[in-house]
C-alpha atoms as a PDB file:
ATOM      1  CA  MET A   1      -0.083   0.046  -0.005  1.00  0.00           C
ATOM      2  CA  LEU A   2       2.824   2.292   0.491  1.00  0.00           C
ATOM      3  CA  LYS A   3       4.636   2.103  -2.559  1.00  0.00           C
ATOM      4  CA  TYR A   4       1.816   2.031  -4.395  1.00  0.00           C
ATOM      5  CA  SER A   5       0.612   6.035  -2.832  1.00  0.00           C
ATOM      6  CA  LEU A   6       4.395   7.080  -3.315  1.00  0.00           C
ATOM      7  CA  LYS A   7       3.736   5.521  -6.844  1.00  0.00           C
ATOM      8  CA  ARG A   8       0.667   7.906  -7.068  1.00  0.00           C
ATOM      9  CA  LEU A   9       2.131  11.120  -5.197  1.00  0.00           C
ATOM     10  CA  SER A  10       4.760  10.839  -7.456  1.00  0.00           C
ATOM     11  CA  SER A  11       2.517  10.823 -10.608  1.00  0.00           C
ATOM     12  CA  SER A  12      -0.169  13.642  -9.915  1.00  0.00           C
ATOM     13  CA  ILE A  13       2.916  16.072  -8.569  1.00  0.00           C
ATOM     14  CA  VAL A  14       4.781  15.475 -12.044  1.00  0.00           C
ATOM     15  CA  THR A  15       0.919  16.305 -13.509  1.00  0.00           C
ATOM     16  CA  LEU A  16       0.649  18.793 -11.736  1.00  0.00           C
ATOM     17  CA  LEU A  17       4.007  20.267 -12.757  1.00  0.00           C
ATOM     18  CA  ILE A  18       3.206  19.624 -16.778  1.00  0.00           C
ATOM     19  CA  ILE A  19      -0.390  20.869 -15.603  1.00  0.00           C
ATOM     20  CA  ILE A  20       1.438  24.206 -14.345  1.00  0.00           C
ATOM     21  CA  SER A  21       3.892  24.837 -16.362  1.00  0.00           C
ATOM     22  CA  VAL A  22       1.051  24.730 -19.912  1.00  0.00           C
ATOM     23  CA  VAL A  23      -0.821  27.040 -17.696  1.00  0.00           C
ATOM     24  CA  PHE A  24       2.212  29.923 -16.978  1.00  0.00           C
ATOM     25  CA  ILE A  25       3.597  28.968 -20.852  1.00  0.00           C
ATOM     26  CA  LEU A  26       0.070  29.886 -21.856  1.00  0.00           C
ATOM     27  CA  LEU A  27      -0.927  32.720 -19.994  1.00  0.00           C
ATOM     28  CA  ARG A  28       2.892  34.198 -20.756  1.00  0.00           C
ATOM     29  CA  GLN A  29       2.077  34.862 -24.680  1.00  0.00           C
ATOM     30  CA  MET A  30      -0.867  37.388 -23.544  1.00  0.00           C
ATOM     31  CA  PRO A  31      -0.746  40.361 -24.609  1.00  0.00           C
ATOM     32  CA  ILE A  32       0.751  42.174 -21.502  1.00  0.00           C
ATOM     33  CA  GLU A  33      -2.217  44.537 -20.935  1.00  0.00           C
ATOM     34  CA  GLY A  34      -2.868  41.746 -17.636  1.00  0.00           C
ATOM     35  CA  TYR A  35      -0.277  43.201 -15.987  1.00  0.00           C
ATOM     36  CA  PHE A  36      -1.323  47.013 -15.743  1.00  0.00           C
ATOM     37  CA  ASP A  37      -3.924  48.407 -14.670  1.00  0.00           C
ATOM     38  CA  ASN A  38      -5.355  51.523 -17.102  1.00  0.00           C
ATOM     39  CA  PHE A  39      -2.938  49.873 -19.391  1.00  0.00           C
ATOM     40  CA  GLU A  40      -3.880  52.905 -21.726  1.00  0.00           C
ATOM     41  CA  LYS A  41      -1.949  55.220 -19.082  1.00  0.00           C
ATOM     42  CA  VAL A  42       1.194  54.428 -18.851  1.00  0.00           C
ATOM     43  CA  ASP A  43       4.332  55.110 -20.847  1.00  0.00           C
ATOM     44  CA  GLN A  44       7.136  52.491 -22.563  1.00  0.00           C
ATOM     45  CA  ALA A  45       9.358  53.413 -19.453  1.00  0.00           C
ATOM     46  CA  MET A  46       6.668  52.740 -16.923  1.00  0.00           C
ATOM     47  CA  ILE A  47       6.088  49.141 -18.833  1.00  0.00           C
ATOM     48  CA  ASN A  48       9.779  48.540 -19.044  1.00  0.00           C
ATOM     49  CA  ALA A  49      10.228  49.126 -15.463  1.00  0.00           C
ATOM     50  CA  LYS A  50       7.074  46.986 -14.678  1.00  0.00           C
ATOM     51  CA  LEU A  51       8.399  44.160 -16.827  1.00  0.00           C
ATOM     52  CA  GLU A  52      11.484  43.871 -14.755  1.00  0.00           C
ATOM     53  CA  GLN A  53      10.161  44.282 -11.518  1.00  0.00           C
ATOM     54  CA  LEU A  54       8.415  41.240 -12.759  1.00  0.00           C
ATOM     55  CA  GLY A  55      10.851  39.794 -13.167  1.00  0.00           C
ATOM     56  CA  LEU A  56       9.030  39.087 -17.400  1.00  0.00           C
ATOM     57  CA  ASN A  57      12.311  40.319 -19.089  1.00  0.00           C
ATOM     58  CA  ASP A  58      13.627  36.671 -18.492  1.00  0.00           C
ATOM     59  CA  PRO A  59      13.561  33.550 -20.854  1.00  0.00           C
ATOM     60  CA  ILE A  60      10.375  31.242 -20.344  1.00  0.00           C
ATOM     61  CA  PRO A  61      12.201  28.420 -18.159  1.00  0.00           C
ATOM     62  CA  VAL A  62      13.677  30.864 -15.734  1.00  0.00           C
ATOM     63  CA  GLN A  63      10.633  32.681 -15.332  1.00  0.00           C
ATOM     64  CA  LEU A  64       8.766  29.336 -14.315  1.00  0.00           C
ATOM     65  CA  TRP A  65      11.747  28.527 -12.085  1.00  0.00           C
ATOM     66  CA  ASN A  66      11.494  31.427 -10.444  1.00  0.00           C
ATOM     67  CA  PHE A  67       7.674  31.243 -10.425  1.00  0.00           C
ATOM     68  CA  LEU A  68       7.758  27.562  -9.398  1.00  0.00           C
ATOM     69  CA  VAL A  69      10.275  28.576  -6.501  1.00  0.00           C
ATOM     70  CA  ASP A  70       7.706  31.547  -5.360  1.00  0.00           C
ATOM     71  CA  LEU A  71       5.078  28.336  -5.419  1.00  0.00           C
ATOM     72  CA  VAL A  72       6.637  26.544  -3.108  1.00  0.00           C
ATOM     73  CA  HIS A  73       6.679  28.870  -0.343  1.00  0.00           C
ATOM     74  CA  GLY A  74       2.986  30.313  -0.821  1.00  0.00           C
ATOM     75  CA  ASP A  75       3.854  33.705  -2.864  1.00  0.00           C
ATOM     76  CA  LEU A  76       0.991  33.111  -5.629  1.00  0.00           C
ATOM     77  CA  GLY A  77       2.253  36.639  -6.588  1.00  0.00           C
ATOM     78  CA  GLU A  78       0.094  39.932  -6.874  1.00  0.00           C
ATOM     79  CA  SER A  79      -3.078  40.954  -8.790  1.00  0.00           C
ATOM     80  CA  ALA A  80      -2.723  43.384 -11.359  1.00  0.00           C
ATOM     81  CA  ARG A  81      -6.230  44.543 -11.977  1.00  0.00           C
ATOM     82  CA  TYR A  82      -8.300  43.206  -9.736  1.00  0.00           C
ATOM     83  CA  SER A  83      -6.744  44.857  -6.667  1.00  0.00           C
ATOM     84  CA  VAL A  84      -3.387  45.836  -7.829  1.00  0.00           C
ATOM     85  CA  GLY A  85      -0.495  45.481  -5.686  1.00  0.00           C
ATOM     86  CA  ALA A  86      -2.655  42.832  -3.501  1.00  0.00           C
ATOM     87  CA  PRO A  87      -0.979  39.475  -2.684  1.00  0.00           C
ATOM     88  CA  ILE A  88      -2.985  36.285  -4.594  1.00  0.00           C
ATOM     89  CA  SER A  89      -3.531  34.181  -1.638  1.00  0.00           C
ATOM     90  CA  GLY A  90      -4.444  36.706   0.816  1.00  0.00           C
ATOM     91  CA  LEU A  91      -7.776  37.376  -1.794  1.00  0.00           C
ATOM     92  CA  ILE A  92      -8.084  34.590  -2.682  1.00  0.00           C
ATOM     93  CA  ALA A  93      -8.267  33.232   1.115  1.00  0.00           C
ATOM     94  CA  LYS A  94     -11.380  36.132   1.377  1.00  0.00           C
ATOM     95  CA  LYS A  95     -12.926  33.961  -1.021  1.00  0.00           C
ATOM     96  CA  ALA A  96     -12.650  30.126  -0.055  1.00  0.00           C
ATOM     97  CA  PRO A  97     -14.185  30.168   2.866  1.00  0.00           C
ATOM     98  CA  ILE A  98     -17.703  31.015   1.471  1.00  0.00           C
ATOM     99  CA  SER A  99     -17.741  28.476  -1.706  1.00  0.00           C
ATOM    100  CA  ILE A 100     -16.278  25.555   1.014  1.00  0.00           C
ATOM    101  CA  LYS A 101     -19.387  26.216   2.772  1.00  0.00           C
ATOM    102  CA  LEU A 102     -21.932  25.938  -0.660  1.00  0.00           C
ATOM    103  CA  GLY A 103     -19.585  23.403  -1.481  1.00  0.00           C
ATOM    104  CA  VAL A 104     -19.806  21.095   1.796  1.00  0.00           C
ATOM    105  CA  LEU A 105     -24.071  21.935   1.994  1.00  0.00           C
ATOM    106  CA  SER A 106     -24.198  21.220  -1.482  1.00  0.00           C
ATOM    107  CA  MET A 107     -22.510  17.486  -1.816  1.00  0.00           C
ATOM    108  CA  GLY A 108     -23.944  16.513   1.801  1.00  0.00           C
ATOM    109  CA  LEU A 109     -27.141  17.286   0.190  1.00  0.00           C
ATOM    110  CA  SER A 110     -26.676  15.284  -2.542  1.00  0.00           C
ATOM    111  CA  LEU A 111     -25.669  12.224  -0.938  1.00  0.00           C
ATOM    112  CA  LEU A 112     -28.398  12.059   1.096  1.00  0.00           C
ATOM    113  CA  LEU A 113     -30.510  12.158  -1.396  1.00  0.00           C
ATOM    114  CA  GLY A 114     -28.888  10.322  -4.496  1.00  0.00           C
ATOM    115  CA  ILE A 115     -27.991   7.397  -2.640  1.00  0.00           C
ATOM    116  CA  PRO A 116     -31.551   6.908  -1.673  1.00  0.00           C
ATOM    117  CA  LEU A 117     -32.731   7.566  -4.674  1.00  0.00           C
ATOM    118  CA  GLY A 118     -30.405   5.571  -6.693  1.00  0.00           C
ATOM    119  CA  ALA A 119     -31.317   2.421  -4.229  1.00  0.00           C
ATOM    120  CA  ALA A 120     -34.564   2.619  -4.501  1.00  0.00           C
ATOM    121  CA  MET A 121     -33.964   2.777  -7.916  1.00  0.00           C
ATOM    122  CA  ALA A 122     -32.660  -0.911  -8.259  1.00  0.00           C
ATOM    123  CA  ARG A 123     -35.366  -2.385  -5.831  1.00  0.00           C
ATOM    124  CA  GLY A 124     -38.469  -1.000  -7.848  1.00  0.00           C
ATOM    125  CA  LYS A 125     -36.106  -2.044 -11.502  1.00  0.00           C
ATOM    126  CA  GLY A 126     -39.147  -0.562 -13.922  1.00  0.00           C
ATOM    127  CA  LYS A 127     -41.423   0.478 -11.308  1.00  0.00           C
ATOM    128  CA  PHE A 128     -42.260   4.012  -9.238  1.00  0.00           C
ATOM    129  CA  TRP A 129     -38.914   5.400  -8.363  1.00  0.00           C
ATOM    130  CA  ASP A 130     -36.884   3.821 -11.352  1.00  0.00           C
ATOM    131  CA  LYS A 131     -39.017   5.424 -14.131  1.00  0.00           C
ATOM    132  CA  PHE A 132     -38.896   8.775 -11.983  1.00  0.00           C
ATOM    133  CA  GLY A 133     -35.280   8.862 -11.449  1.00  0.00           C
ATOM    134  CA  THR A 134     -34.254   7.948 -14.960  1.00  0.00           C
ATOM    135  CA  VAL A 135     -36.606  10.757 -16.213  1.00  0.00           C
ATOM    136  CA  TYR A 136     -34.332  12.922 -13.855  1.00  0.00           C
ATOM    137  CA  ILE A 137     -31.359  12.293 -14.429  1.00  0.00           C
ATOM    138  CA  VAL A 138     -32.339  12.281 -18.256  1.00  0.00           C
ATOM    139  CA  PHE A 139     -33.120  15.934 -17.520  1.00  0.00           C
ATOM    140  CA  ILE A 140     -29.964  16.994 -15.695  1.00  0.00           C
ATOM    141  CA  ASN A 141     -27.584  15.375 -18.389  1.00  0.00           C
ATOM    142  CA  ALA A 142     -30.006  16.875 -21.277  1.00  0.00           C
ATOM    143  CA  VAL A 143     -30.780  20.290 -20.504  1.00  0.00           C
ATOM    144  CA  PRO A 144     -27.686  22.703 -20.265  1.00  0.00           C
ATOM    145  CA  ALA A 145     -27.190  23.391 -16.632  1.00  0.00           C
ATOM    146  CA  ALA A 146     -28.089  27.234 -17.452  1.00  0.00           C
ATOM    147  CA  VAL A 147     -31.390  26.625 -18.270  1.00  0.00           C
ATOM    148  CA  TYR A 148     -32.786  24.933 -15.320  1.00  0.00           C
ATOM    149  CA  HIS A 149     -30.116  26.911 -12.541  1.00  0.00           C
ATOM    150  CA  ILE A 150     -31.989  29.762 -14.040  1.00  0.00           C
ATOM    151  CA  PHE A 151     -35.601  29.095 -13.931  1.00  0.00           C
ATOM    152  CA  ILE A 152     -35.069  28.101  -9.661  1.00  0.00           C
ATOM    153  CA  GLN A 153     -33.984  31.015  -9.309  1.00  0.00           C
ATOM    154  CA  LEU A 154     -36.529  33.460 -11.062  1.00  0.00           C
ATOM    155  CA  TYR A 155     -39.173  30.594  -9.675  1.00  0.00           C
ATOM    156  CA  GLY A 156     -38.202  30.159  -6.194  1.00  0.00           C
ATOM    157  CA  THR A 157     -37.573  33.781  -5.923  1.00  0.00           C
ATOM    158  CA  SER A 158     -41.593  34.240  -7.232  1.00  0.00           C
ATOM    159  CA  PHE A 159     -43.391  31.314  -4.817  1.00  0.00           C
ATOM    160  CA  LEU A 160     -40.167  30.401  -2.120  1.00  0.00           C
ATOM    161  CA  GLY A 161     -40.172  34.500  -1.023  1.00  0.00           C
ATOM    162  CA  ILE A 162     -36.203  33.975  -1.327  1.00  0.00           C
ATOM    163  CA  PRO A 163     -34.251  36.687  -2.454  1.00  0.00           C
ATOM    164  CA  MET A 164     -32.425  36.911  -5.116  1.00  0.00           C
ATOM    165  CA  LEU A 165     -29.387  37.864  -4.461  1.00  0.00           C
ATOM    166  CA  PHE A 166     -26.592  35.606  -1.323  1.00  0.00           C
ATOM    167  CA  ASP A 167     -26.342  37.657   1.768  1.00  0.00           C
ATOM    168  CA  GLU A 168     -23.741  35.115   3.154  1.00  0.00           C
ATOM    169  CA  LYS A 169     -25.237  36.418   6.675  1.00  0.00           C
ATOM    170  CA  ASN A 170     -29.028  35.181   5.361  1.00  0.00           C
ATOM    171  CA  LEU A 171     -29.240  31.675   5.632  1.00  0.00           C
ATOM    172  CA  ILE A 172     -31.969  31.874   2.948  1.00  0.00           C
ATOM    173  CA  THR A 173     -29.853  33.474   0.484  1.00  0.00           C
ATOM    174  CA  TRP A 174     -28.334  29.666   0.991  1.00  0.00           C
ATOM    175  CA  ILE A 175     -31.363  27.359  -0.275  1.00  0.00           C
ATOM    176  CA  LEU A 176     -31.354  28.093  -3.919  1.00  0.00           C
ATOM    177  CA  PRO A 177     -27.239  27.882  -4.726  1.00  0.00           C
ATOM    178  CA  VAL A 178     -27.518  24.773  -2.404  1.00  0.00           C
ATOM    179  CA  CYS A 179     -29.998  23.269  -4.279  1.00  0.00           C
ATOM    180  CA  SER A 180     -28.422  24.370  -7.512  1.00  0.00           C
ATOM    181  CA  MET A 181     -25.280  22.718  -7.164  1.00  0.00           C
ATOM    182  CA  ALA A 182     -27.049  19.377  -5.617  1.00  0.00           C
ATOM    183  CA  LEU A 183     -28.948  18.644  -8.639  1.00  0.00           C
ATOM    184  CA  GLY A 184     -25.593  17.549 -10.980  1.00  0.00           C
ATOM    185  CA  ASN A 185     -24.315  15.695  -8.560  1.00  0.00           C
ATOM    186  CA  THR A 186     -27.769  13.411  -7.601  1.00  0.00           C
ATOM    187  CA  ALA A 187     -27.765  12.949 -10.271  1.00  0.00           C
ATOM    188  CA  TYR A 188     -24.600  11.089 -11.345  1.00  0.00           C
ATOM    189  CA  TYR A 189     -25.086   9.084  -8.284  1.00  0.00           C
ATOM    190  CA  ALA A 190     -28.471   7.709  -8.549  1.00  0.00           C
ATOM    191  CA  MET A 191     -27.368   6.767 -11.731  1.00  0.00           C
ATOM    192  CA  TRP A 192     -23.438   5.187 -11.418  1.00  0.00           C
ATOM    193  CA  LEU A 193     -25.153   3.499  -7.935  1.00  0.00           C
ATOM    194  CA  ARG A 194     -28.636   2.090  -9.335  1.00  0.00           C
ATOM    195  CA  ARG A 195     -26.097   0.972 -12.212  1.00  0.00           C
ATOM    196  CA  TYR A 196     -23.985  -0.440  -9.981  1.00  0.00           C
ATOM    197  CA  MET A 197     -27.023  -2.821  -7.269  1.00  0.00           C
ATOM    198  CA  VAL A 198     -28.222  -3.738 -10.149  1.00  0.00           C
ATOM    199  CA  ASP A 199     -24.818  -6.256 -11.978  1.00  0.00           C
ATOM    200  CA  GLU A 200     -24.027  -7.223  -7.962  1.00  0.00           C
ATOM    201  CA  MET A 201     -27.852  -8.715  -8.274  1.00  0.00           C
ATOM    202  CA  ASN A 202     -27.344 -10.717 -11.330  1.00  0.00           C
ATOM    203  CA  LYS A 203     -24.214 -12.406  -9.478  1.00  0.00           C
ATOM    204  CA  ASP A 204     -23.857 -15.749  -7.757  1.00  0.00           C
ATOM    205  CA  TYR A 205     -23.599 -14.678  -4.735  1.00  0.00           C
ATOM    206  CA  VAL A 206     -27.316 -13.265  -4.635  1.00  0.00           C
ATOM    207  CA  ARG A 207     -28.931 -16.333  -6.133  1.00  0.00           C
ATOM    208  CA  LEU A 208     -27.271 -18.139  -3.716  1.00  0.00           C
ATOM    209  CA  ALA A 209     -28.483 -16.028  -0.511  1.00  0.00           C
ATOM    210  CA  ARG A 210     -31.975 -16.423  -1.454  1.00  0.00           C
ATOM    211  CA  ALA A 211     -31.281 -19.618  -1.829  1.00  0.00           C
ATOM    212  CA  LYS A 212     -30.484 -19.795   1.864  1.00  0.00           C
ATOM    213  CA  GLY A 213     -32.976 -17.832   2.626  1.00  0.00           C
ATOM    214  CA  VAL A 214     -32.208 -14.672   3.462  1.00  0.00           C
ATOM    215  CA  SER A 215     -34.679 -11.774   3.806  1.00  0.00           C
ATOM    216  CA  GLY A 216     -34.519  -9.577   0.362  1.00  0.00           C
ATOM    217  CA  GLN A 217     -33.575  -6.087   2.840  1.00  0.00           C
ATOM    218  CA  ASP A 218     -30.522  -8.318   4.317  1.00  0.00           C
ATOM    219  CA  ILE A 219     -29.200  -8.830   1.082  1.00  0.00           C
ATOM    220  CA  MET A 220     -30.244  -5.404  -0.234  1.00  0.00           C
ATOM    221  CA  MET A 221     -28.825  -4.137   2.713  1.00  0.00           C
ATOM    222  CA  LYS A 222     -26.126  -6.393   3.709  1.00  0.00           C
ATOM    223  CA  HIS A 223     -24.234  -7.373   0.209  1.00  0.00           C
ATOM    224  CA  VAL A 224     -25.774  -5.722  -2.882  1.00  0.00           C
ATOM    225  CA  LEU A 225     -25.466  -2.247  -1.258  1.00  0.00           C
ATOM    226  CA  ARG A 226     -22.215  -2.482   0.517  1.00  0.00           C
ATOM    227  CA  ASN A 227     -20.892  -3.431  -2.474  1.00  0.00           C
ATOM    228  CA  ALA A 228     -21.998  -1.242  -5.648  1.00  0.00           C
ATOM    229  CA  PHE A 229     -21.049   1.123  -3.089  1.00  0.00           C
ATOM    230  CA  VAL A 230     -17.455   0.032  -3.354  1.00  0.00           C
ATOM    231  CA  PRO A 231     -16.937   1.623  -6.814  1.00  0.00           C
ATOM    232  CA  MET A 232     -18.642   4.628  -5.552  1.00  0.00           C
ATOM    233  CA  ILE A 233     -15.576   5.251  -3.385  1.00  0.00           C
ATOM    234  CA  GLN A 234     -13.388   6.283  -5.743  1.00  0.00           C
ATOM    235  CA  TYR A 235     -14.701   9.048  -7.423  1.00  0.00           C
ATOM    236  CA  ILE A 236     -16.537  10.771  -4.327  1.00  0.00           C
ATOM    237  CA  PRO A 237     -13.401  12.627  -3.075  1.00  0.00           C
ATOM    238  CA  THR A 238     -13.226  14.147  -7.266  1.00  0.00           C
ATOM    239  CA  SER A 239     -16.461  15.382  -6.818  1.00  0.00           C
ATOM    240  CA  LEU A 240     -16.165  16.450  -3.088  1.00  0.00           C
ATOM    241  CA  LEU A 241     -13.619  18.888  -4.198  1.00  0.00           C
ATOM    242  CA  TYR A 242     -14.918  20.022  -7.195  1.00  0.00           C
ATOM    243  CA  THR A 243     -17.670  21.269  -5.104  1.00  0.00           C
ATOM    244  CA  VAL A 244     -16.200  22.803  -2.206  1.00  0.00           C
ATOM    245  CA  CYS A 245     -14.261  24.825  -4.976  1.00  0.00           C
ATOM    246  CA  GLY A 246     -18.052  25.633  -5.814  1.00  0.00           C
ATOM    247  CA  SER A 247     -19.290  26.199  -9.293  1.00  0.00           C
ATOM    248  CA  ILE A 248     -18.040  29.111 -11.295  1.00  0.00           C
ATOM    249  CA  TYR A 249     -21.890  29.371 -12.915  1.00  0.00           C
ATOM    250  CA  ILE A 250     -24.024  29.860  -9.908  1.00  0.00           C
ATOM    251  CA  GLU A 251     -21.907  31.991  -7.994  1.00  0.00           C
ATOM    252  CA  SER A 252     -22.064  33.907 -10.944  1.00  0.00           C
ATOM    253  CA  LEU A 253     -25.984  33.610 -11.067  1.00  0.00           C
ATOM    254  CA  TYR A 254     -26.327  34.944  -7.238  1.00  0.00           C
ATOM    255  CA  SER A 255     -23.495  37.067  -7.463  1.00  0.00           C
ATOM    256  CA  ILE A 256     -22.231  34.627  -4.502  1.00  0.00           C
ATOM    257  CA  PRO A 257     -18.212  36.283  -3.520  1.00  0.00           C
ATOM    258  CA  GLY A 258     -17.083  33.058  -3.510  1.00  0.00           C
ATOM    259  CA  MET A 259     -13.799  31.327  -6.008  1.00  0.00           C
ATOM    260  CA  GLY A 260     -15.868  30.560  -8.842  1.00  0.00           C
ATOM    261  CA  GLY A 261     -17.495  34.331  -9.195  1.00  0.00           C
ATOM    262  CA  LEU A 262     -13.617  35.850  -8.680  1.00  0.00           C
ATOM    263  CA  LEU A 263     -12.891  33.880 -11.310  1.00  0.00           C
ATOM    264  CA  VAL A 264     -15.359  34.892 -13.728  1.00  0.00           C
ATOM    265  CA  ASP A 265     -14.407  38.292 -12.351  1.00  0.00           C
ATOM    266  CA  VAL A 266     -10.575  38.282 -13.247  1.00  0.00           C
ATOM    267  CA  ILE A 267     -11.243  36.514 -16.237  1.00  0.00           C
ATOM    268  CA  GLY A 268     -13.796  39.426 -17.368  1.00  0.00           C
ATOM    269  CA  ARG A 269     -10.531  42.224 -16.017  1.00  0.00           C
ATOM    270  CA  GLN A 270      -7.765  40.287 -17.958  1.00  0.00           C
ATOM    271  CA  ASP A 271      -5.905  40.113 -14.736  1.00  0.00           C
ATOM    272  CA  ASN A 272      -3.491  37.341 -15.602  1.00  0.00           C
ATOM    273  CA  PRO A 273      -1.669  36.743 -12.032  1.00  0.00           C
ATOM    274  CA  MET A 274      -4.497  35.936 -10.754  1.00  0.00           C
ATOM    275  CA  VAL A 275      -6.407  33.719 -13.523  1.00  0.00           C
ATOM    276  CA  GLN A 276      -3.066  32.064 -13.571  1.00  0.00           C
ATOM    277  CA  ALA A 277      -3.020  31.423  -9.809  1.00  0.00           C
ATOM    278  CA  ILE A 278      -7.391  30.047  -9.679  1.00  0.00           C
ATOM    279  CA  VAL A 279      -6.696  27.799 -12.748  1.00  0.00           C
ATOM    280  CA  MET A 280      -3.164  26.268 -11.332  1.00  0.00           C
ATOM    281  CA  ILE A 281      -5.508  25.754  -7.881  1.00  0.00           C
ATOM    282  CA  TYR A 282      -9.076  23.960  -9.805  1.00  0.00           C
ATOM    283  CA  SER A 283      -5.849  21.830 -11.349  1.00  0.00           C
ATOM    284  CA  CYS A 284      -4.365  20.952  -7.715  1.00  0.00           C
ATOM    285  CA  ILE A 285      -8.333  19.984  -6.459  1.00  0.00           C
ATOM    286  CA  GLY A 286      -8.714  17.550  -9.429  1.00  0.00           C
ATOM    287  CA  ILE A 287      -5.969  15.912  -9.611  1.00  0.00           C
ATOM    288  CA  VAL A 288      -6.195  15.745  -5.799  1.00  0.00           C
ATOM    289  CA  GLY A 289      -9.461  14.456  -6.154  1.00  0.00           C
ATOM    290  CA  LEU A 290      -7.896  11.335  -8.253  1.00  0.00           C
ATOM    291  CA  LEU A 291      -5.691  10.966  -5.964  1.00  0.00           C
ATOM    292  CA  LEU A 292      -7.612  10.565  -2.783  1.00  0.00           C
ATOM    293  CA  GLY A 293      -9.939   8.785  -4.459  1.00  0.00           C
ATOM    294  CA  ASP A 294      -7.287   5.671  -5.758  1.00  0.00           C
ATOM    295  CA  LEU A 295      -6.717   5.029  -2.293  1.00  0.00           C
ATOM    296  CA  LEU A 296      -9.323   5.542  -0.431  1.00  0.00           C
ATOM    297  CA  MET A 297     -10.933   2.626  -2.598  1.00  0.00           C
ATOM    298  CA  GLY A 298      -8.095   0.385  -2.125  1.00  0.00           C
ATOM    299  CA  VAL A 299      -8.053   1.229   1.496  1.00  0.00           C
ATOM    300  CA  ILE A 300     -11.940   0.738   1.881  1.00  0.00           C
ATOM    301  CA  ASP A 301     -12.156  -2.734  -1.072  1.00  0.00           C
ATOM    302  CA  PRO A 302     -10.411  -5.657   0.357  1.00  0.00           C
ATOM    303  CA  ARG A 303     -10.493  -7.437  -2.580  1.00  0.00           C
ATOM    304  CA  ILE A 304      -7.751  -4.676  -4.186  1.00  0.00           C
ATOM    305  CA  SER A 305      -4.362  -6.043  -4.095  1.00  0.00           C
ATOM    306  CA  PHE A 306      -1.018  -3.690  -4.145  1.00  0.00           C
ATOM    307  CA  VAL A 307       1.216  -6.783  -4.460  1.00  0.00           C
ATOM    308  CA  LYS A 308       2.208  -8.118  -7.719  1.00  0.00           C
ATOM    309  CA  LYS A 309       0.736 -12.152  -7.988  1.00  0.00           C
ATOM    310  CA  GLU A 310       4.058 -14.576  -8.575  1.00  0.00           C
ATOM    311  CA  GLY A 311       3.713 -14.407 -12.411  1.00  0.00           C
ATOM    312  CA  ALA A 312       1.536 -11.791 -12.958  1.00  0.00           C
ATOM    313  CA  ARG A 313       3.321  -9.034 -14.895  1.00  0.00           C
END
């Protein structure tokens, strides 16, 4: 297990370094306006001084190395336009807690709804809950998310009297964003849990349990559901970490001052250092999620062996 964990960790670090390098190099190809506030009022002497200060006159490999060294020390650079001269790490630290709270709440709601729905669909195959869940999953996957998010905002505020804009101190305004963010993961968990449970129900050990007289409830809860849930464990950390970051569109829709809204804002302002930092944070989150999913899968499922068997290639 330790050897496998170190191997996965090293491959994740290499992947992260590649992503950081690609993002860094691509953003260095952008116009230099993204590093200046009121660029049209800046003369050439000030531009040259600023480029020298930022180290943008150095060769790309030297710039990348300096950036990685600063990154190891927790320095993400300074904002060029969003908040001129302010440390990026401090700006992100102010936005992240709101996204984390929203993400954790929506993730909990999606697990609370998605797992029972998937189990009900598998147990009542072809019946009401299966048909209801199928319609819901097809709708979520077929209709663009922007469409039903706007409908939720419009009709939720009209019929429920919930304020349209987010207010951190008003808990009522958390309802619509959290529910909106939970829709996709709810459909995801229901769909895959149903599939895995149906696969397990057709296996020989279930037929043997029925032949021995084990009740259908015990078979479902103690055998089928437990074994079907194991493959889903791999994807929970990834979806949790992505959800914690917050939905970019939903945060913009409800004017939530989180990470998602911040990314949209800095892209609009062409604040290259901020865009670079946030994109790398999202990439890091995705890689960490995949790593945790693989490790958790090995811990939960005793059938997975990390030792190469004799004669295996």
